[in-house]
Amino acid sequence: MGKANLEVFSETLQHIAESNRDLLVVTSDSRGSGKLVPFAQRFPDQLVEVGIAEQNLVGISAGLASAGKQVFAVSPACFLTARSLEQIKNDVTYSDNAVTVVGISAGVSYGALGSTHHSLHDYAVLRAIHNIIVCAPADNFETEEAVRQAAALNQPVYLRFGKRPMPLLRKDVPFVLGKGRVLQEGKDLAIVATGEMVHPALEAAALLNESADIEVTVISMHTVKPLDTELLIQVAATGMPILTVEEHSVYGGMGEACASFLLQEGFHNRFQVMGIPDEYTVTGSQQEIFDHYGLNGQGIMEVAQQLLGVSQEK
């Protein structure tokens, strides 16, 4: 088990800030939840606190970026991509200001705080806005690489992080924004997952192999926009069924993006989208919510078996 991705996010920013005085972090009373207290202690002149004012957060960040600063705007994803969506659209993307917008405590990370605090819409709304990369790292390695690459780009980026410690996956598969990572290869089924759903996808793949000798390709599609369409074509060309898994509404997210692209390219693989259904979620911890909707190794395995037409008794 590794660290929470947010801890790695903060550590990576500190490494960059050691040699880059133009790197600024802007927060909306979120330095604690964003694991940025150590950053603020080391670089007090490089952190701007705006208070609970997410719209101001994004507007100020855009202004700083327009003046040549390298800005990370950090706030809970549920507020950042709803309350301040207009500022992301107009001040960041339309004005082409290179702000890295960081949605923390994303998905259902807030657990029992409920639907007001869940961000199950962020992929959908940001996919519909031009000129922004949308990325949800799966583990500590992907997090560090995503932060470093976002900092080196001169364009808007949205990074999405949860709260809990994440298992370490693989470091030997290169990470590039916009390019999916094939974590394991199989011939019977492809599971395309993003963010914190990648680890449960790998667990499901192991269960499928143990129970029915089903060989599964597992892809970390960390960049939801732009999709790695070249990789999707490679996978679909095998004829394998494809199962997508995400901590997001089944509407408008990574799964629908993959399905839309492949259908328009003429592929007709059996296909299933897993995510949160069109309802206000049950109340519970993040894991309890995952378990309720089958977003765990066992649940993903069962949906995969249905997709493959394999008896669950095997």
Protein backbone atom coordinates (compact mmCIF):
# COMPACT_ATOMS: atom_id res chain seq x y z
CA MET A 1 0.00 0.00 0.00
CA GLY A 2 1.29 3.42 -0.95
CA LYS A 3 0.30 6.89 0.21
CA ALA A 4 -2.77 8.91 -0.60
CA ASN A 5 -2.28 10.40 -4.05
CA LEU A 6 -2.78 13.85 -2.52
CA GLU A 7 0.29 13.38 -0.35
CA VAL A 8 2.36 12.59 -3.43
CA PHE A 9 0.79 15.57 -5.18
CA SER A 10 1.96 17.86 -2.36
CA GLU A 11 5.44 16.32 -2.22
CA THR A 12 5.86 16.68 -5.98
CA LEU A 13 4.83 20.33 -5.88
CA GLN A 14 7.44 20.94 -3.17
CA HIS A 15 10.15 19.36 -5.33
CA ILE A 16 9.18 21.57 -8.25
CA ALA A 17 8.95 24.70 -6.09
CA GLU A 18 12.51 24.22 -4.83
CA SER A 19 13.79 25.37 -8.20
CA ASN A 20 10.81 27.30 -9.52
CA ARG A 21 9.78 30.50 -7.74
CA ASP A 22 7.01 31.03 -10.29
CA LEU A 23 5.09 27.99 -9.11
CA LEU A 24 2.10 29.12 -7.05
CA VAL A 25 -0.60 27.13 -5.28
CA VAL A 26 -3.98 28.79 -4.77
CA THR A 27 -6.38 27.24 -2.26
CA SER A 28 -9.92 27.84 -1.03
CA ASP A 29 -9.56 26.93 2.65
CA SER A 30 -8.30 23.58 1.36
CA ARG A 31 -4.63 23.42 2.30
CA GLY A 32 -5.41 20.84 4.99
CA SER A 33 -7.61 18.55 2.94
CA GLY A 34 -5.27 19.03 -0.01
CA LYS A 35 -2.26 17.89 2.09
CA LEU A 36 -0.63 21.26 1.39
CA VAL A 37 0.30 22.29 4.94
CA PRO A 38 3.93 21.14 4.42
CA PHE A 39 4.04 23.14 1.17
CA ALA A 40 2.73 26.25 2.93
CA GLN A 41 5.30 25.85 5.71
CA ARG A 42 8.21 25.52 3.28
CA PHE A 43 7.02 28.04 0.68
CA PRO A 44 4.72 30.53 2.42
CA ASP A 45 5.23 33.12 -0.31
CA GLN A 46 4.11 30.65 -2.97
CA LEU A 47 0.71 29.81 -1.56
CA VAL A 48 -2.34 32.07 -1.92
CA GLU A 49 -5.36 31.45 0.31
CA VAL A 50 -8.66 32.91 -0.93
CA GLY A 51 -11.00 31.34 1.63
CA ILE A 52 -14.18 29.48 0.77
CA ALA A 53 -14.64 31.23 -2.56
CA GLU A 54 -14.12 28.77 -5.38
CA GLN A 55 -15.10 31.18 -8.15
CA ASN A 56 -12.52 33.67 -6.90
CA LEU A 57 -10.01 30.83 -6.64
CA VAL A 58 -10.24 30.08 -10.35
CA GLY A 59 -10.39 33.72 -11.45
CA ILE A 60 -7.35 34.67 -9.38
CA SER A 61 -5.46 31.61 -10.63
CA ALA A 62 -6.22 32.55 -14.22
CA GLY A 63 -4.97 36.09 -13.62
CA LEU A 64 -1.75 34.85 -12.06
CA ALA A 65 -1.20 32.47 -14.97
CA SER A 66 -1.76 35.29 -17.45
CA ALA A 67 1.09 37.13 -15.69
CA GLY A 68 3.46 34.23 -16.23
CA LYS A 69 3.01 32.24 -13.03
CA GLN A 70 2.71 28.46 -12.99
CA VAL A 71 -0.50 27.96 -11.04
CA PHE A 72 -2.18 25.00 -9.34
CA ALA A 73 -5.72 25.84 -8.18
CA VAL A 74 -6.74 23.36 -5.47
CA SER A 75 -10.26 22.83 -4.13
CA PRO A 76 -12.78 20.02 -3.52
CA ALA A 77 -13.83 18.64 -6.89
CA CYS A 78 -17.53 18.82 -6.09
CA PHE A 79 -17.40 22.62 -5.73
CA LEU A 80 -14.59 23.34 -8.17
CA THR A 81 -16.33 21.76 -11.15
CA ALA A 82 -19.82 23.04 -10.31
CA ARG A 83 -19.76 26.38 -8.52
CA SER A 84 -16.77 27.68 -10.47
CA LEU A 85 -17.44 25.94 -13.77
CA GLU A 86 -18.07 29.26 -15.52
CA GLN A 87 -14.67 30.55 -14.40
CA ILE A 88 -12.97 27.36 -15.63
CA LYS A 89 -14.75 27.73 -18.97
CA ASN A 90 -14.18 31.45 -19.50
CA ASP A 91 -11.15 32.50 -17.44
CA VAL A 92 -9.03 29.36 -17.87
CA THR A 93 -9.90 27.48 -21.05
CA TYR A 94 -11.43 30.14 -23.31
CA SER A 95 -8.75 32.64 -22.25
CA ASP A 96 -6.11 29.90 -22.62
CA ASN A 97 -4.51 30.43 -19.23
CA ALA A 98 -2.28 27.54 -18.23
CA VAL A 99 -3.85 26.74 -14.86
CA THR A 100 -3.76 23.22 -13.45
CA VAL A 101 -7.15 22.88 -11.79
CA VAL A 102 -6.93 20.25 -9.05
CA GLY A 103 -10.12 18.59 -7.83
CA ILE A 104 -9.47 16.98 -4.45
CA SER A 105 -11.62 14.51 -2.48
CA ALA A 106 -13.20 13.56 -5.80
CA GLY A 107 -15.80 10.96 -6.69
CA VAL A 108 -17.44 9.68 -3.51
CA SER A 109 -14.39 10.32 -1.31
CA TYR A 110 -16.47 12.38 1.12
CA GLY A 111 -18.55 9.28 1.87
CA ALA A 112 -21.32 9.95 4.37
CA LEU A 113 -21.35 13.70 3.65
CA GLY A 114 -23.51 12.64 0.75
CA SER A 115 -24.42 13.72 -2.75
CA THR A 116 -23.84 17.43 -2.09
CA HIS A 117 -20.16 16.60 -1.64
CA HIS A 118 -19.77 13.96 -4.35
CA SER A 119 -18.29 14.85 -7.72
CA LEU A 120 -19.79 12.37 -10.15
CA HIS A 121 -20.25 14.93 -12.90
CA ASP A 122 -16.77 16.39 -13.39
CA TYR A 123 -15.63 14.24 -16.32
CA ALA A 124 -18.89 14.94 -18.11
CA VAL A 125 -18.86 18.72 -17.79
CA LEU A 126 -15.15 19.12 -18.48
CA ARG A 127 -15.24 16.81 -21.49
CA ALA A 128 -17.70 19.26 -23.02
CA ILE A 129 -15.34 22.23 -22.55
CA HIS A 130 -12.67 22.86 -25.15
CA ASN A 131 -8.96 23.20 -24.33
CA ILE A 132 -8.53 21.27 -21.10
CA ILE A 133 -6.85 17.93 -20.37
CA VAL A 134 -8.78 15.76 -17.88
CA CYS A 135 -6.69 13.28 -15.89
CA ALA A 136 -7.36 10.97 -12.92
CA PRO A 137 -4.16 9.25 -11.75
CA ALA A 138 -4.55 5.71 -10.44
CA ASP A 139 -1.67 5.50 -7.98
CA ASN A 140 1.35 7.33 -6.56
CA PHE A 141 3.49 6.80 -9.65
CA GLU A 142 0.84 8.15 -12.00
CA THR A 143 0.24 11.06 -9.62
CA GLU A 144 3.85 12.21 -9.57
CA GLU A 145 4.16 11.89 -13.33
CA ALA A 146 0.87 13.69 -13.95
CA VAL A 147 1.81 16.62 -11.70
CA ARG A 148 5.24 16.99 -13.28
CA GLN A 149 3.87 16.82 -16.81
CA ALA A 150 1.03 19.23 -16.03
CA ALA A 151 3.55 21.68 -14.59
CA ALA A 152 5.62 21.46 -17.78
CA LEU A 153 2.67 22.07 -20.10
CA ASN A 154 1.55 25.50 -21.17
CA GLN A 155 -2.16 24.67 -21.25
CA PRO A 156 -5.10 24.05 -18.90
CA VAL A 157 -5.23 20.71 -17.08
CA TYR A 158 -7.69 19.16 -14.63
CA LEU A 159 -6.23 16.65 -12.16
CA ARG A 160 -8.60 14.56 -10.04
CA PHE A 161 -7.60 13.00 -6.71
CA GLY A 162 -9.31 10.97 -4.01
CA LYS A 163 -8.41 10.83 -0.34
CA ARG A 164 -7.43 7.29 0.58
CA PRO A 165 -4.05 5.55 0.33
CA MET A 166 -3.62 3.82 -3.01
CA PRO A 167 -1.89 0.50 -3.74
CA LEU A 168 1.24 0.78 -5.83
CA LEU A 169 0.69 -0.59 -9.32
CA ARG A 170 3.46 -0.63 -11.95
CA LYS A 171 6.30 1.80 -12.58
CA ASP A 172 7.76 -0.02 -15.55
CA VAL A 173 4.95 1.09 -17.91
CA PRO A 174 5.60 4.69 -18.99
CA PHE A 175 3.13 7.43 -18.09
CA VAL A 176 2.30 10.09 -20.67
CA LEU A 177 -0.70 12.39 -20.47
CA GLY A 178 -3.12 11.37 -23.20
CA LYS A 179 -1.78 7.81 -23.47
CA GLY A 180 -3.32 4.88 -21.61
CA ARG A 181 -1.16 2.37 -19.75
CA VAL A 182 -1.56 -1.35 -20.41
CA LEU A 183 -0.93 -2.86 -16.97
CA GLN A 184 -1.51 -6.45 -18.03
CA GLU A 185 -2.45 -8.22 -21.24
CA GLY A 186 -5.01 -10.93 -21.90
CA LYS A 187 -6.99 -12.35 -24.81
CA ASP A 188 -10.52 -12.75 -23.43
CA LEU A 189 -11.64 -9.40 -22.05
CA ALA A 190 -10.44 -5.80 -21.74
CA ILE A 191 -11.15 -3.76 -18.62
CA VAL A 192 -10.54 -0.06 -19.13
CA ALA A 193 -10.52 1.80 -15.82
CA THR A 194 -9.56 5.25 -14.63
CA GLY A 195 -8.44 6.79 -11.35
CA GLU A 196 -8.98 4.83 -8.17
CA MET A 197 -10.97 2.16 -10.03
CA VAL A 198 -7.85 0.75 -11.66
CA HIS A 199 -6.84 -1.29 -8.62
CA PRO A 200 -10.28 -2.96 -8.25
CA ALA A 201 -10.11 -3.70 -11.98
CA LEU A 202 -6.83 -5.53 -11.44
CA GLU A 203 -8.38 -7.42 -8.52
CA ALA A 204 -11.29 -8.45 -10.74
CA ALA A 205 -8.87 -9.61 -13.43
CA ALA A 206 -7.08 -11.83 -10.92
CA LEU A 207 -10.40 -13.31 -9.72
CA LEU A 208 -11.50 -14.02 -13.29
CA ASN A 209 -8.25 -15.80 -14.01
CA GLU A 210 -8.41 -17.85 -10.81
CA SER A 211 -12.07 -18.83 -11.18
CA ALA A 212 -12.39 -19.45 -14.91
CA ASP A 213 -8.96 -19.08 -16.58
CA ILE A 214 -10.15 -15.85 -18.18
CA GLU A 215 -7.24 -13.73 -19.39
CA VAL A 216 -7.88 -10.02 -19.00
CA THR A 217 -6.22 -6.94 -20.45
CA VAL A 218 -6.31 -4.13 -17.87
CA ILE A 219 -5.78 -0.54 -18.99
CA SER A 220 -5.32 2.54 -16.84
CA MET A 221 -7.03 5.18 -18.97
CA HIS A 222 -5.85 7.95 -16.67
CA THR A 223 -6.49 10.67 -19.25
CA VAL A 224 -10.22 10.89 -19.87
CA LYS A 225 -9.71 13.74 -22.33
CA PRO A 226 -8.08 13.43 -24.78
CA LEU A 227 -8.71 9.69 -24.93
CA ASP A 228 -6.01 7.39 -26.19
CA THR A 229 -8.00 6.48 -29.28
CA GLU A 230 -5.09 4.61 -30.85
CA LEU A 231 -5.00 2.22 -27.89
CA LEU A 232 -8.79 1.83 -27.94
CA ILE A 233 -8.65 0.83 -31.60
CA GLN A 234 -5.93 -1.73 -30.87
CA VAL A 235 -8.03 -3.28 -28.12
CA ALA A 236 -11.31 -3.23 -30.05
CA ALA A 237 -9.65 -4.73 -33.14
CA THR A 238 -9.08 -7.97 -31.19
CA GLY A 239 -12.84 -8.43 -30.91
CA MET A 240 -12.66 -8.74 -27.13
CA PRO A 241 -15.58 -7.52 -25.02
CA ILE A 242 -14.77 -4.25 -23.27
CA LEU A 243 -15.77 -3.28 -19.74
CA THR A 244 -15.14 0.26 -18.50
CA VAL A 245 -15.03 1.17 -14.81
CA GLU A 246 -15.03 4.63 -13.24
CA GLU A 247 -15.89 6.47 -10.02
CA HIS A 248 -18.29 8.74 -11.88
CA SER A 249 -21.81 8.77 -13.21
CA VAL A 250 -22.40 6.26 -15.98
CA TYR A 251 -23.53 9.28 -17.99
CA GLY A 252 -20.95 11.45 -19.73
CA GLY A 253 -17.82 9.87 -18.32
CA MET A 254 -14.90 7.83 -19.58
CA GLY A 255 -17.04 4.81 -20.47
CA GLU A 256 -19.43 6.74 -22.68
CA ALA A 257 -16.48 8.51 -24.29
CA CYS A 258 -14.93 5.15 -25.20
CA ALA A 259 -18.23 3.71 -26.42
CA SER A 260 -19.02 6.73 -28.57
CA PHE A 261 -15.62 6.74 -30.20
CA LEU A 262 -15.57 3.01 -30.94
CA LEU A 263 -19.11 2.93 -32.33
CA GLN A 264 -18.34 5.83 -34.66
CA GLU A 265 -15.20 3.98 -35.78
CA GLY A 266 -17.35 1.00 -36.75
CA PHE A 267 -16.56 -1.37 -33.87
CA HIS A 268 -19.32 -3.46 -32.32
CA ASN A 269 -17.59 -5.25 -29.47
CA ARG A 270 -19.76 -6.28 -26.55
CA PHE A 271 -19.48 -3.31 -24.22
CA GLN A 272 -20.50 -2.42 -20.68
CA VAL A 273 -20.06 0.81 -18.65
CA MET A 274 -19.69 0.48 -14.88
CA GLY A 275 -19.99 3.50 -12.61
CA ILE A 276 -22.53 5.18 -10.36
CA PRO A 277 -26.09 4.86 -11.73
CA ASP A 278 -28.43 7.80 -12.31
CA GLU A 279 -29.47 8.30 -8.69
CA TYR A 280 -28.40 10.07 -5.53
CA THR A 281 -26.02 7.66 -3.88
CA VAL A 282 -26.68 5.63 -0.76
CA THR A 283 -25.20 7.03 2.43
CA GLY A 284 -22.04 5.42 3.72
CA SER A 285 -18.28 5.47 3.61
CA GLN A 286 -16.52 5.53 0.27
CA GLN A 287 -15.91 1.78 0.43
CA GLU A 288 -19.49 1.08 1.46
CA ILE A 289 -20.69 3.07 -1.54
CA PHE A 290 -18.31 1.16 -3.80
CA ASP A 291 -19.54 -2.14 -2.40
CA HIS A 292 -23.20 -1.17 -2.83
CA TYR A 293 -22.71 -0.41 -6.53
CA GLY A 294 -20.36 -3.31 -7.19
CA LEU A 295 -17.33 -1.10 -7.74
CA ASN A 296 -14.94 -3.59 -6.17
CA GLY A 297 -13.06 -6.64 -7.36
CA GLN A 298 -15.94 -9.05 -6.81
CA GLY A 299 -18.55 -6.76 -8.35
CA ILE A 300 -16.47 -6.02 -11.43
CA MET A 301 -15.78 -9.74 -11.84
CA GLU A 302 -19.52 -10.51 -11.77
CA VAL A 303 -20.34 -7.89 -14.39
CA ALA A 304 -17.46 -9.19 -16.52
CA GLN A 305 -18.84 -12.72 -16.27
CA GLN A 306 -22.25 -11.49 -17.44
CA LEU A 307 -20.64 -9.64 -20.33
CA LEU A 308 -18.73 -12.77 -21.32
CA GLY A 309 -21.71 -15.09 -20.80
CA VAL A 310 -19.75 -17.09 -18.25
CA SER A 311 -21.57 -18.89 -15.44
CA GLN A 312 -20.78 -17.33 -12.06
CA GLU A 313 -20.65 -20.82 -10.54
CA LYS A 314 -17.42 -21.60 -12.40
